[in-house]
């Protein structure tokens, strides 16, 4: 349960009455490698062999926002773009499909000759 006297601080009291300040705990361990295979520390820096910092968190965030801003603007709706991609040669593909498959009495498509 969070302590309400320290607004904005993350101070918790354990079942045994011990208080834990999560902000101080995070600051103490921010350079500790994170558990798992993400190869980052608790702060968010990318780590290389031996736990050395390759790229700082600020650089990672800056790179992300540079790439996120460079997205290609769409000319229309997503449905229009998908329709353009699919309408390449629909007439030919329909004819090929009809030549290989037939519909049975249950409404299922089966290969010709089955």
PDB file of N, CA and C in Angstrom:
ATOM      1  N   UNK A   1       0.845  -1.171   0.000  1.00  0.00           N
ATOM      2  CA  UNK A   1       0.000   0.000   0.000  1.00  0.00           C
ATOM      3  C   UNK A   1       0.897   1.244   0.000  1.00  0.00           C
ATOM      4  N   UNK A   2       0.596   2.171  -0.852  1.00  0.00           N
ATOM      5  CA  UNK A   2       1.417   3.363  -0.983  1.00  0.00           C
ATOM      6  C   UNK A   2       1.172   4.308   0.189  1.00  0.00           C
ATOM      7  N   UNK A   3       2.228   4.968   0.604  1.00  0.00           N
ATOM      8  CA  UNK A   3       2.138   5.935   1.674  1.00  0.00           C
ATOM      9  C   UNK A   3       1.555   7.220   1.099  1.00  0.00           C
ATOM     10  N   UNK A   4       0.497   7.758   1.693  1.00  0.00           N
ATOM     11  CA  UNK A   4      -0.181   8.929   1.139  1.00  0.00           C
ATOM     12  C   UNK A   4       0.451  10.241   1.591  1.00  0.00           C
ATOM     13  N   UNK A   5       1.331  10.214   2.599  1.00  0.00           N
ATOM     14  CA  UNK A   5       1.963  11.451   3.072  1.00  0.00           C
ATOM     15  C   UNK A   5       2.950  12.004   2.050  1.00  0.00           C
ATOM     16  N   UNK A   6       3.629  11.163   1.338  1.00  0.00           N
ATOM     17  CA  UNK A   6       4.638  11.580   0.357  1.00  0.00           C
ATOM     18  C   UNK A   6       4.042  11.504  -1.040  1.00  0.00           C
ATOM     19  N   UNK A   7       3.283  12.522  -1.422  1.00  0.00           N
ATOM     20  CA  UNK A   7       2.647  12.504  -2.735  1.00  0.00           C
ATOM     21  C   UNK A   7       3.688  12.595  -3.830  1.00  0.00           C
ATOM     22  N   UNK A   8       3.543  11.745  -4.841  1.00  0.00           N
ATOM     23  CA  UNK A   8       4.478  11.713  -5.954  1.00  0.00           C
ATOM     24  C   UNK A   8       5.635  10.760  -5.737  1.00  0.00           C
ATOM     25  N   UNK A   9       5.915  10.400  -4.504  1.00  0.00           N
ATOM     26  CA  UNK A   9       6.982   9.452  -4.210  1.00  0.00           C
ATOM     27  C   UNK A   9       6.393   8.061  -4.126  1.00  0.00           C
ATOM     28  N   UNK A  10       7.161   7.096  -4.529  1.00  0.00           N
ATOM     29  CA  UNK A  10       6.718   5.709  -4.458  1.00  0.00           C
ATOM     30  C   UNK A  10       7.335   5.068  -3.227  1.00  0.00           C
ATOM     31  N   UNK A  11       6.707   5.259  -2.085  1.00  0.00           N
ATOM     32  CA  UNK A  11       7.163   4.686  -0.827  1.00  0.00           C
ATOM     33  C   UNK A  11       6.128   3.679  -0.386  1.00  0.00           C
ATOM     34  N   UNK A  12       6.557   2.443  -0.178  1.00  0.00           N
ATOM     35  CA  UNK A  12       5.647   1.369   0.202  1.00  0.00           C
ATOM     36  C   UNK A  12       6.056   0.803   1.552  1.00  0.00           C
ATOM     37  N   UNK A  13       5.101   0.249   2.265  1.00  0.00           N
ATOM     38  CA  UNK A  13       5.349  -0.400   3.544  1.00  0.00           C
ATOM     39  C   UNK A  13       5.093  -1.890   3.365  1.00  0.00           C
ATOM     40  N   UNK A  14       6.059  -2.693   3.763  1.00  0.00           N
ATOM     41  CA  UNK A  14       5.927  -4.141   3.634  1.00  0.00           C
ATOM     42  C   UNK A  14       5.014  -4.682   4.728  1.00  0.00           C
ATOM     43  N   UNK A  15       4.717  -5.965   4.633  1.00  0.00           N
ATOM     44  CA  UNK A  15       3.865  -6.606   5.618  1.00  0.00           C
ATOM     45  C   UNK A  15       4.511  -6.581   7.007  1.00  0.00           C
ATOM     46  N   UNK A  16       5.824  -6.572   7.038  1.00  0.00           N
ATOM     47  CA  UNK A  16       6.537  -6.555   8.316  1.00  0.00           C
ATOM     48  C   UNK A  16       6.796  -5.143   8.831  1.00  0.00           C
ATOM     49  N   UNK A  17       6.294  -4.119   8.149  1.00  0.00           N
ATOM     50  CA  UNK A  17       6.421  -2.748   8.610  1.00  0.00           C
ATOM     51  C   UNK A  17       7.622  -2.001   8.086  1.00  0.00           C
ATOM     52  N   UNK A  18       8.403  -2.619   7.238  1.00  0.00           N
ATOM     53  CA  UNK A  18       9.587  -1.981   6.670  1.00  0.00           C
ATOM     54  C   UNK A  18       9.156  -1.092   5.496  1.00  0.00           C
ATOM     55  N   UNK A  19       9.740   0.109   5.369  1.00  0.00           N
ATOM     56  CA  UNK A  19       9.389   0.993   4.261  1.00  0.00           C
ATOM     57  C   UNK A  19      10.412   0.831   3.142  1.00  0.00           C
ATOM     58  N   UNK A  20       9.912   0.886   1.913  1.00  0.00           N
ATOM     59  CA  UNK A  20      10.760   0.762   0.729  1.00  0.00           C
ATOM     60  C   UNK A  20      10.463   1.949  -0.176  1.00  0.00           C
ATOM     61  N   UNK A  21      11.494   2.722  -0.498  1.00  0.00           N
ATOM     62  CA  UNK A  21      11.365   3.855  -1.420  1.00  0.00           C
ATOM     63  C   UNK A  21      11.774   3.362  -2.801  1.00  0.00           C
ATOM     64  N   UNK A  22      10.807   3.208  -3.686  1.00  0.00           N
ATOM     65  CA  UNK A  22      11.061   2.644  -5.013  1.00  0.00           C
ATOM     66  C   UNK A  22      11.905   3.578  -5.879  1.00  0.00           C
ATOM     67  N   UNK A  23      11.793   4.888  -5.690  1.00  0.00           N
ATOM     68  CA  UNK A  23      12.597   5.827  -6.473  1.00  0.00           C
ATOM     69  C   UNK A  23      14.086   5.671  -6.158  1.00  0.00           C
ATOM     70  N   UNK A  24      14.412   5.569  -4.871  1.00  0.00           N
ATOM     71  CA  UNK A  24      15.814   5.394  -4.476  1.00  0.00           C
ATOM     72  C   UNK A  24      16.330   4.038  -4.957  1.00  0.00           C
ATOM     73  N   UNK A  25      15.497   3.014  -4.855  1.00  0.00           N
ATOM     74  CA  UNK A  25      15.885   1.679  -5.299  1.00  0.00           C
ATOM     75  C   UNK A  25      16.188   1.664  -6.800  1.00  0.00           C
ATOM     76  N   UNK A  26      15.369   2.362  -7.585  1.00  0.00           N
ATOM     77  CA  UNK A  26      15.583   2.430  -9.035  1.00  0.00           C
ATOM     78  C   UNK A  26      16.869   3.200  -9.354  1.00  0.00           C
ATOM     79  N   UNK A  27      17.129   4.297  -8.637  1.00  0.00           N
ATOM     80  CA  UNK A  27      18.355   5.078  -8.872  1.00  0.00           C
ATOM     81  C   UNK A  27      19.602   4.274  -8.545  1.00  0.00           C
ATOM     82  N   UNK A  28      19.553   3.486  -7.462  1.00  0.00           N
ATOM     83  CA  UNK A  28      20.712   2.687  -7.078  1.00  0.00           C
ATOM     84  C   UNK A  28      21.046   1.627  -8.123  1.00  0.00           C
ATOM     85  N   UNK A  29      20.038   1.114  -8.805  1.00  0.00           N
ATOM     86  CA  UNK A  29      20.231  -0.016  -9.707  1.00  0.00           C
ATOM     87  C   UNK A  29      20.063   0.330 -11.183  1.00  0.00           C
ATOM     88  N   UNK A  30      20.149   1.603 -11.535  1.00  0.00           N
ATOM     89  CA  UNK A  30      19.870   1.955 -12.926  1.00  0.00           C
ATOM     90  C   UNK A  30      20.947   1.487 -13.897  1.00  0.00           C
ATOM     91  N   UNK A  31      22.140   1.214 -13.434  1.00  0.00           N
ATOM     92  CA  UNK A  31      23.193   0.714 -14.316  1.00  0.00           C
ATOM     93  C   UNK A  31      23.320  -0.803 -14.288  1.00  0.00           C
ATOM     94  N   UNK A  32      22.476  -1.467 -13.518  1.00  0.00           N
ATOM     95  CA  UNK A  32      22.474  -2.920 -13.433  1.00  0.00           C
ATOM     96  C   UNK A  32      21.811  -3.496 -14.683  1.00  0.00           C
ATOM     97  N   UNK A  33      22.416  -4.496 -15.341  1.00  0.00           N
ATOM     98  CA  UNK A  33      21.783  -5.097 -16.521  1.00  0.00           C
ATOM     99  C   UNK A  33      20.421  -5.701 -16.184  1.00  0.00           C
ATOM    100  N   UNK A  34      19.472  -5.517 -17.086  1.00  0.00           N
ATOM    101  CA  UNK A  34      18.126  -6.040 -16.894  1.00  0.00           C
ATOM    102  C   UNK A  34      18.133  -7.552 -17.045  1.00  0.00           C
ATOM    103  N   UNK A  35      17.182  -8.201 -16.409  1.00  0.00           N
ATOM    104  CA  UNK A  35      17.054  -9.647 -16.507  1.00  0.00           C
ATOM    105  C   UNK A  35      16.385  -9.976 -17.831  1.00  0.00           C
ATOM    106  N   UNK A  36      16.882 -10.981 -18.533  1.00  0.00           N
ATOM    107  CA  UNK A  36      16.301 -11.383 -19.809  1.00  0.00           C
ATOM    108  C   UNK A  36      17.306 -11.214 -20.927  1.00  0.00           C
ATOM    109  N   UNK A  37      16.805 -11.260 -22.148  1.00  0.00           N
ATOM    110  CA  UNK A  37      17.702 -11.198 -23.294  1.00  0.00           C
ATOM    111  C   UNK A  37      17.596  -9.872 -24.048  1.00  0.00           C
ATOM    112  N   UNK A  38      17.139  -8.823 -23.397  1.00  0.00           N
ATOM    113  CA  UNK A  38      16.957  -7.537 -24.059  1.00  0.00           C
ATOM    114  C   UNK A  38      18.261  -6.776 -24.250  1.00  0.00           C
ATOM    115  N   UNK A  39      19.325  -7.108 -23.505  1.00  0.00           N
ATOM    116  CA  UNK A  39      20.627  -6.449 -23.567  1.00  0.00           C
ATOM    117  C   UNK A  39      20.526  -4.951 -23.316  1.00  0.00           C
ATOM    118  N   UNK A  40      19.796  -4.593 -22.275  1.00  0.00           N
ATOM    119  CA  UNK A  40      19.697  -3.219 -21.807  1.00  0.00           C
ATOM    120  C   UNK A  40      19.885  -3.220 -20.301  1.00  0.00           C
ATOM    121  N   UNK A  41      20.209  -2.043 -19.753  1.00  0.00           N
ATOM    122  CA  UNK A  41      20.239  -1.939 -18.304  1.00  0.00           C
ATOM    123  C   UNK A  41      18.904  -1.375 -17.837  1.00  0.00           C
ATOM    124  N   UNK A  42      18.757  -1.215 -16.532  1.00  0.00           N
ATOM    125  CA  UNK A  42      17.480  -0.768 -15.982  1.00  0.00           C
ATOM    126  C   UNK A  42      17.132   0.640 -16.453  1.00  0.00           C
ATOM    127  N   UNK A  43      18.105   1.399 -16.837  1.00  0.00           N
ATOM    128  CA  UNK A  43      17.873   2.765 -17.307  1.00  0.00           C
ATOM    129  C   UNK A  43      17.374   2.790 -18.753  1.00  0.00           C
ATOM    130  N   UNK A  44      17.749   1.789 -19.549  1.00  0.00           N
ATOM    131  CA  UNK A  44      17.334   1.740 -20.942  1.00  0.00           C
ATOM    132  C   UNK A  44      18.475   1.863 -21.923  1.00  0.00           C
ATOM    133  N   UNK A  45      19.730   1.922 -21.429  1.00  0.00           N
ATOM    134  CA  UNK A  45      20.896   1.990 -22.310  1.00  0.00           C
ATOM    135  C   UNK A  45      21.119   0.625 -22.959  1.00  0.00           C
ATOM    136  N   UNK A  46      21.512   0.615 -24.244  1.00  0.00           N
ATOM    137  CA  UNK A  46      21.831  -0.648 -24.915  1.00  0.00           C
ATOM    138  C   UNK A  46      23.210  -1.103 -24.476  1.00  0.00           C
ATOM    139  N   UNK A  47      23.329  -2.400 -24.147  1.00  0.00           N
ATOM    140  CA  UNK A  47      24.579  -2.954 -23.657  1.00  0.00           C
ATOM    141  C   UNK A  47      25.207  -3.876 -24.686  1.00  0.00           C
ATOM    142  N   UNK A  48      26.534  -3.881 -24.710  1.00  0.00           N
ATOM    143  CA  UNK A  48      27.272  -4.763 -25.596  1.00  0.00           C
ATOM    144  C   UNK A  48      27.952  -5.855 -24.800  1.00  0.00           C
ATOM    145  N   UNK A  49      28.959  -6.493 -25.379  1.00  0.00           N
ATOM    146  CA  UNK A  49      29.684  -7.552 -24.676  1.00  0.00           C
ATOM    147  C   UNK A  49      30.316  -7.028 -23.386  1.00  0.00           C
ATOM    148  N   UNK A  50      30.189  -7.799 -22.331  1.00  0.00           N
ATOM    149  CA  UNK A  50      30.755  -7.408 -21.048  1.00  0.00           C
ATOM    150  C   UNK A  50      29.938  -6.378 -20.306  1.00  0.00           C
ATOM    151  N   UNK A  51      28.758  -6.050 -20.787  1.00  0.00           N
ATOM    152  CA  UNK A  51      27.900  -5.082 -20.110  1.00  0.00           C
ATOM    153  C   UNK A  51      28.287  -3.640 -20.344  1.00  0.00           C
ATOM    154  N   UNK A  52      29.102  -3.378 -21.364  1.00  0.00           N
ATOM    155  CA  UNK A  52      29.508  -2.002 -21.666  1.00  0.00           C
ATOM    156  C   UNK A  52      28.388  -1.300 -22.423  1.00  0.00           C
ATOM    157  N   UNK A  53      28.190  -0.024 -22.128  1.00  0.00           N
ATOM    158  CA  UNK A  53      27.125   0.753 -22.769  1.00  0.00           C
ATOM    159  C   UNK A  53      27.546   1.089 -24.194  1.00  0.00           C
ATOM    160  N   UNK A  54      26.730   0.637 -25.160  1.00  0.00           N
ATOM    161  CA  UNK A  54      26.975   0.916 -26.580  1.00  0.00           C
ATOM    162  C   UNK A  54      26.269   2.203 -26.986  1.00  0.00           C
ATOM    163  N   UNK A  55      25.004   2.301 -26.609  1.00  0.00           N
ATOM    164  CA  UNK A  55      24.193   3.448 -26.997  1.00  0.00           C
ATOM    165  C   UNK A  55      23.388   3.895 -25.785  1.00  0.00           C
ATOM    166  N   UNK A  56      23.473   5.171 -25.443  1.00  0.00           N
ATOM    167  CA  UNK A  56      22.757   5.703 -24.284  1.00  0.00           C
ATOM    168  C   UNK A  56      21.267   5.805 -24.586  1.00  0.00           C
ATOM    169  N   UNK A  57      20.487   5.837 -23.524  1.00  0.00           N
ATOM    170  CA  UNK A  57      19.033   5.889 -23.643  1.00  0.00           C
ATOM    171  C   UNK A  57      18.598   7.104 -24.450  1.00  0.00           C
ATOM    172  N   UNK A  58      19.233   8.248 -24.235  1.00  0.00           N
ATOM    173  CA  UNK A  58      18.867   9.467 -24.951  1.00  0.00           C
ATOM    174  C   UNK A  58      19.040   9.302 -26.457  1.00  0.00           C
ATOM    175  N   UNK A  59      20.127   8.612 -26.858  1.00  0.00           N
ATOM    176  CA  UNK A  59      20.371   8.375 -28.281  1.00  0.00           C
ATOM    177  C   UNK A  59      19.339   7.418 -28.872  1.00  0.00           C
ATOM    178  N   UNK A  60      18.959   6.404 -28.094  1.00  0.00           N
ATOM    179  CA  UNK A  60      17.955   5.443 -28.549  1.00  0.00           C
ATOM    180  C   UNK A  60      16.624   6.149 -28.782  1.00  0.00           C
ATOM    181  N   UNK A  61      16.232   7.004 -27.837  1.00  0.00           N
ATOM    182  CA  UNK A  61      14.965   7.733 -27.952  1.00  0.00           C
ATOM    183  C   UNK A  61      15.006   8.708 -29.118  1.00  0.00           C
ATOM    184  N   UNK A  62      16.131   9.417 -29.268  1.00  0.00           N
ATOM    185  CA  UNK A  62      16.284  10.379 -30.364  1.00  0.00           C
ATOM    186  C   UNK A  62      16.173   9.677 -31.716  1.00  0.00           C
ATOM    187  N   UNK A  63      16.850   8.531 -31.856  1.00  0.00           N
ATOM    188  CA  UNK A  63      16.801   7.758 -33.093  1.00  0.00           C
ATOM    189  C   UNK A  63      15.386   7.272 -33.396  1.00  0.00           C
ATOM    190  N   UNK A  64      14.679   6.841 -32.367  1.00  0.00           N
ATOM    191  CA  UNK A  64      13.308   6.357 -32.555  1.00  0.00           C
ATOM    192  C   UNK A  64      12.412   7.462 -33.105  1.00  0.00           C
ATOM    193  N   UNK A  65      12.486   8.647 -32.503  1.00  0.00           N
ATOM    194  CA  UNK A  65      11.624   9.738 -32.950  1.00  0.00           C
ATOM    195  C   UNK A  65      12.017  10.265 -34.325  1.00  0.00           C
ATOM    196  N   UNK A  66      13.290  10.174 -34.689  1.00  0.00           N
ATOM    197  CA  UNK A  66      13.695  10.561 -36.044  1.00  0.00           C
ATOM    198  C   UNK A  66      13.095   9.615 -37.071  1.00  0.00           C
ATOM    199  N   UNK A  67      13.087   8.317 -36.767  1.00  0.00           N
ATOM    200  CA  UNK A  67      12.519   7.337 -37.686  1.00  0.00           C
ATOM    201  C   UNK A  67      11.000   7.400 -37.700  1.00  0.00           C
ATOM    202  N   UNK A  68      10.380   7.648 -36.569  1.00  0.00           N
ATOM    203  CA  UNK A  68       8.925   7.686 -36.484  1.00  0.00           C
ATOM    204  C   UNK A  68       8.362   8.865 -37.284  1.00  0.00           C
ATOM    205  N   UNK A  69       9.100   9.964 -37.344  1.00  0.00           N
ATOM    206  CA  UNK A  69       8.644  11.132 -38.080  1.00  0.00           C
ATOM    207  C   UNK A  69       8.822  10.991 -39.577  1.00  0.00           C
ATOM    208  N   UNK A  70       9.566   9.991 -40.036  1.00  0.00           N
ATOM    209  CA  UNK A  70       9.840   9.852 -41.452  1.00  0.00           C
ATOM    210  C   UNK A  70       8.908   8.865 -42.153  1.00  0.00           C
ATOM    211  N   UNK A  71       7.765   8.582 -41.560  1.00  0.00           N
ATOM    212  CA  UNK A  71       6.814   7.654 -42.170  1.00  0.00           C
ATOM    213  C   UNK A  71       6.218   8.270 -43.428  1.00  0.00           C
ATOM    214  N   UNK A  72       5.992   7.448 -44.433  1.00  0.00           N
ATOM    215  CA  UNK A  72       5.449   7.900 -45.706  1.00  0.00           C
ATOM    216  C   UNK A  72       3.986   8.304 -45.523  1.00  0.00           C
ATOM    217  N   UNK A  73       3.616   9.531 -45.915  1.00  0.00           N
ATOM    218  CA  UNK A  73       2.210   9.911 -45.783  1.00  0.00           C
ATOM    219  C   UNK A  73       1.351   9.115 -46.760  1.00  0.00           C
ATOM    220  N   UNK A  74       0.212   8.693 -46.314  1.00  0.00           N
ATOM    221  CA  UNK A  74      -0.654   7.888 -47.171  1.00  0.00           C
ATOM    222  C   UNK A  74      -1.470   8.792 -48.083  1.00  0.00           C
ATOM    223  N   UNK A  75      -1.715   8.325 -49.280  1.00  0.00           N
ATOM    224  CA  UNK A  75      -2.453   9.123 -50.256  1.00  0.00           C
ATOM    225  C   UNK A  75      -3.954   9.070 -50.001  1.00  0.00           C
ATOM    226  N   UNK A  76      -4.425   7.995 -49.411  1.00  0.00           N
ATOM    227  CA  UNK A  76      -5.852   7.851 -49.135  1.00  0.00           C
ATOM    228  C   UNK A  76      -6.043   6.978 -47.922  1.00  0.00           C
ATOM    229  N   UNK A  77      -7.164   6.294 -47.893  1.00  0.00           N
ATOM    230  CA  UNK A  77      -7.425   5.426 -46.760  1.00  0.00           C
ATOM    231  C   UNK A  77      -6.667   4.121 -46.916  1.00  0.00           C
ATOM    232  N   UNK A  78      -6.588   3.391 -45.861  1.00  0.00           N
ATOM    233  CA  UNK A  78      -5.900   2.098 -45.883  1.00  0.00           C
ATOM    234  C   UNK A  78      -6.617   1.146 -46.831  1.00  0.00           C
ATOM    235  N   UNK A  79      -7.935   1.189 -46.828  1.00  0.00           N
ATOM    236  CA  UNK A  79      -8.718   0.316 -47.709  1.00  0.00           C
ATOM    237  C   UNK A  79      -8.414   0.601 -49.180  1.00  0.00           C
ATOM    238  N   UNK A  80      -8.252   1.880 -49.535  1.00  0.00           N
ATOM    239  CA  UNK A  80      -7.928   2.233 -50.920  1.00  0.00           C
ATOM    240  C   UNK A  80      -6.550   1.711 -51.311  1.00  0.00           C
ATOM    241  N   UNK A  81      -5.578   1.817 -50.386  1.00  0.00           N
ATOM    242  CA  UNK A  81      -4.234   1.340 -50.677  1.00  0.00           C
ATOM    243  C   UNK A  81      -4.212  -0.173 -50.862  1.00  0.00           C
ATOM    244  N   UNK A  82      -4.961  -0.888 -50.034  1.00  0.00           N
ATOM    245  CA  UNK A  82      -5.027  -2.350 -50.162  1.00  0.00           C
ATOM    246  C   UNK A  82      -5.709  -2.722 -51.467  1.00  0.00           C
ATOM    247  N   UNK A  83      -6.769  -2.011 -51.827  1.00  0.00           N
ATOM    248  CA  UNK A  83      -7.480  -2.293 -53.071  1.00  0.00           C
ATOM    249  C   UNK A  83      -6.566  -2.069 -54.273  1.00  0.00           C
ATOM    250  N   UNK A  84      -5.721  -1.032 -54.219  1.00  0.00           N
ATOM    251  CA  UNK A  84      -4.783  -0.788 -55.312  1.00  0.00           C
ATOM    252  C   UNK A  84      -3.792  -1.932 -55.449  1.00  0.00           C
ATOM    253  N   UNK A  85      -3.295  -2.431 -54.320  1.00  0.00           N
ATOM    254  CA  UNK A  85      -2.340  -3.530 -54.357  1.00  0.00           C
ATOM    255  C   UNK A  85      -2.975  -4.813 -54.878  1.00  0.00           C
ATOM    256  N   UNK A  86      -4.223  -5.048 -54.533  1.00  0.00           N
ATOM    257  CA  UNK A  86      -4.882  -6.287 -54.922  1.00  0.00           C
ATOM    258  C   UNK A  86      -5.441  -6.261 -56.339  1.00  0.00           C
ATOM    259  N   UNK A  87      -5.651  -5.078 -56.900  1.00  0.00           N
ATOM    260  CA  UNK A  87      -6.288  -4.989 -58.212  1.00  0.00           C
ATOM    261  C   UNK A  87      -5.286  -5.081 -59.358  1.00  0.00           C
ATOM    262  N   UNK A  88      -4.148  -5.644 -59.153  1.00  0.00           N
ATOM    263  CA  UNK A  88      -3.108  -5.715 -60.173  1.00  0.00           C
ATOM    264  C   UNK A  88      -3.602  -6.463 -61.395  1.00  0.00           C
ATOM    265  N   UNK A  89      -4.040  -7.684 -61.216  1.00  0.00           N
ATOM    266  CA  UNK A  89      -4.496  -8.485 -62.347  1.00  0.00           C
ATOM    267  C   UNK A  89      -5.585  -9.434 -61.876  1.00  0.00           C
ATOM    268  N   UNK A  90      -6.663  -8.865 -61.315  1.00  0.00           N
ATOM    269  CA  UNK A  90      -7.726  -9.685 -60.750  1.00  0.00           C
ATOM    270  C   UNK A  90      -8.443 -10.518 -61.806  1.00  0.00           C
ATOM    271  N   UNK A  91      -8.625  -9.991 -63.008  1.00  0.00           N
ATOM    272  CA  UNK A  91      -9.359 -10.719 -64.039  1.00  0.00           C
ATOM    273  C   UNK A  91      -8.625 -12.002 -64.423  1.00  0.00           C
ATOM    274  N   UNK A  92      -7.323 -11.925 -64.552  1.00  0.00           N
ATOM    275  CA  UNK A  92      -6.555 -13.111 -64.925  1.00  0.00           C
ATOM    276  C   UNK A  92      -6.544 -14.129 -63.805  1.00  0.00           C
ATOM    277  N   UNK A  93      -6.411 -13.684 -62.581  1.00  0.00           N
ATOM    278  CA  UNK A  93      -6.388 -14.629 -61.461  1.00  0.00           C
ATOM    279  C   UNK A  93      -7.747 -15.279 -61.265  1.00  0.00           C
ATOM    280  N   UNK A  94      -8.840 -14.549 -61.503  1.00  0.00           N
ATOM    281  CA  UNK A  94     -10.176 -15.141 -61.399  1.00  0.00           C
ATOM    282  C   UNK A  94     -10.362 -16.238 -62.438  1.00  0.00           C
ATOM    283  N   UNK A  95      -9.884 -15.989 -63.666  1.00  0.00           N
ATOM    284  CA  UNK A  95     -10.027 -16.990 -64.720  1.00  0.00           C
ATOM    285  C   UNK A  95      -9.196 -18.231 -64.391  1.00  0.00           C
ATOM    286  N   UNK A  96      -8.000 -18.033 -63.861  1.00  0.00           N
ATOM    287  CA  UNK A  96      -7.167 -19.176 -63.478  1.00  0.00           C
ATOM    288  C   UNK A  96      -7.811 -19.966 -62.353  1.00  0.00           C
ATOM    289  N   UNK A  97      -8.418 -19.268 -61.401  1.00  0.00           N
ATOM    290  CA  UNK A  97      -9.064 -19.930 -60.273  1.00  0.00           C
ATOM    291  C   UNK A  97     -10.247 -20.766 -60.750  1.00  0.00           C
ATOM    292  N   UNK A  98     -11.052 -20.202 -61.642  1.00  0.00           N
ATOM    293  CA  UNK A  98     -12.227 -20.920 -62.140  1.00  0.00           C
ATOM    294  C   UNK A  98     -11.821 -22.133 -62.969  1.00  0.00           C
ATOM    295  N   UNK A  99     -10.664 -22.074 -63.629  1.00  0.00           N
ATOM    296  CA  UNK A  99     -10.210 -23.192 -64.442  1.00  0.00           C
ATOM    297  C   UNK A  99      -9.755 -24.360 -63.575  1.00  0.00           C
ATOM    298  N   UNK A 100      -9.282 -24.120 -62.342  1.00  0.00           N
ATOM    299  CA  UNK A 100      -8.752 -25.166 -61.494  1.00  0.00           C
ATOM    300  C   UNK A 100      -9.728 -25.666 -60.438  1.00  0.00           C
ATOM    301  N   UNK A 101     -10.699 -24.854 -60.050  1.00  0.00           N
ATOM    302  CA  UNK A 101     -11.586 -25.203 -58.941  1.00  0.00           C
ATOM    303  C   UNK A 101     -13.049 -25.114 -59.361  1.00  0.00           C
ATOM    304  N   UNK A 102     -13.871 -25.970 -58.763  1.00  0.00           N
ATOM    305  CA  UNK A 102     -15.321 -25.914 -58.981  1.00  0.00           C
ATOM    306  C   UNK A 102     -16.007 -25.958 -57.626  1.00  0.00           C
ATOM    307  N   UNK A 103     -17.236 -25.424 -57.584  1.00  0.00           N
ATOM    308  CA  UNK A 103     -17.987 -25.407 -56.337  1.00  0.00           C
ATOM    309  C   UNK A 103     -18.904 -26.615 -56.283  1.00  0.00           C
ATOM    310  N   UNK A 104     -18.891 -27.336 -55.168  1.00  0.00           N
ATOM    311  CA  UNK A 104     -19.775 -28.501 -55.038  1.00  0.00           C
ATOM    312  C   UNK A 104     -21.135 -28.058 -54.503  1.00  0.00           C
ATOM    313  N   UNK A 105     -22.054 -29.031 -54.291  1.00  0.00           N
ATOM    314  CA  UNK A 105     -23.415 -28.692 -53.861  1.00  0.00           C
ATOM    315  C   UNK A 105     -23.480 -28.124 -52.453  1.00  0.00           C
ATOM    316  N   UNK A 106     -22.438 -28.331 -51.637  1.00  0.00           N
ATOM    317  CA  UNK A 106     -22.412 -27.771 -50.282  1.00  0.00           C
ATOM    318  C   UNK A 106     -21.843 -26.352 -50.229  1.00  0.00           C
ATOM    319  N   UNK A 107     -21.354 -25.844 -51.356  1.00  0.00           N
ATOM    320  CA  UNK A 107     -20.786 -24.511 -51.416  1.00  0.00           C
ATOM    321  C   UNK A 107     -19.299 -24.472 -51.187  1.00  0.00           C
ATOM    322  N   UNK A 108     -18.665 -25.635 -51.130  1.00  0.00           N
ATOM    323  CA  UNK A 108     -17.209 -25.714 -50.942  1.00  0.00           C
ATOM    324  C   UNK A 108     -16.522 -25.779 -52.294  1.00  0.00           C
ATOM    325  N   UNK A 109     -15.329 -25.201 -52.380  1.00  0.00           N
ATOM    326  CA  UNK A 109     -14.567 -25.265 -53.610  1.00  0.00           C
ATOM    327  C   UNK A 109     -13.628 -26.476 -53.540  1.00  0.00           C
ATOM    328  N   UNK A 110     -13.683 -27.300 -54.595  1.00  0.00           N
ATOM    329  CA  UNK A 110     -12.841 -28.484 -54.674  1.00  0.00           C
ATOM    330  C   UNK A 110     -12.122 -28.465 -56.013  1.00  0.00           C
ATOM    331  N   UNK A 111     -10.977 -29.118 -56.089  1.00  0.00           N
ATOM    332  CA  UNK A 111     -10.209 -29.161 -57.312  1.00  0.00           C
ATOM    333  C   UNK A 111     -10.993 -29.937 -58.377  1.00  0.00           C
ATOM    334  N   UNK A 112     -10.868 -29.519 -59.638  1.00  0.00           N
ATOM    335  CA  UNK A 112     -11.565 -30.212 -60.731  1.00  0.00           C
ATOM    336  C   UNK A 112     -11.067 -31.633 -60.822  1.00  0.00           C
ATOM    337  N   UNK A 113     -11.978 -32.539 -61.019  1.00  0.00           N
ATOM    338  CA  UNK A 113     -11.614 -33.942 -61.171  1.00  0.00           C
ATOM    339  C   UNK A 113     -11.770 -34.729 -59.873  1.00  0.00           C
ATOM    340  N   UNK A 114     -12.063 -34.085 -58.736  1.00  0.00           N
ATOM    341  CA  UNK A 114     -12.250 -34.811 -57.468  1.00  0.00           C
ATOM    342  C   UNK A 114     -13.696 -35.203 -57.274  1.00  0.00           C
TER     343      UNK A 114
END
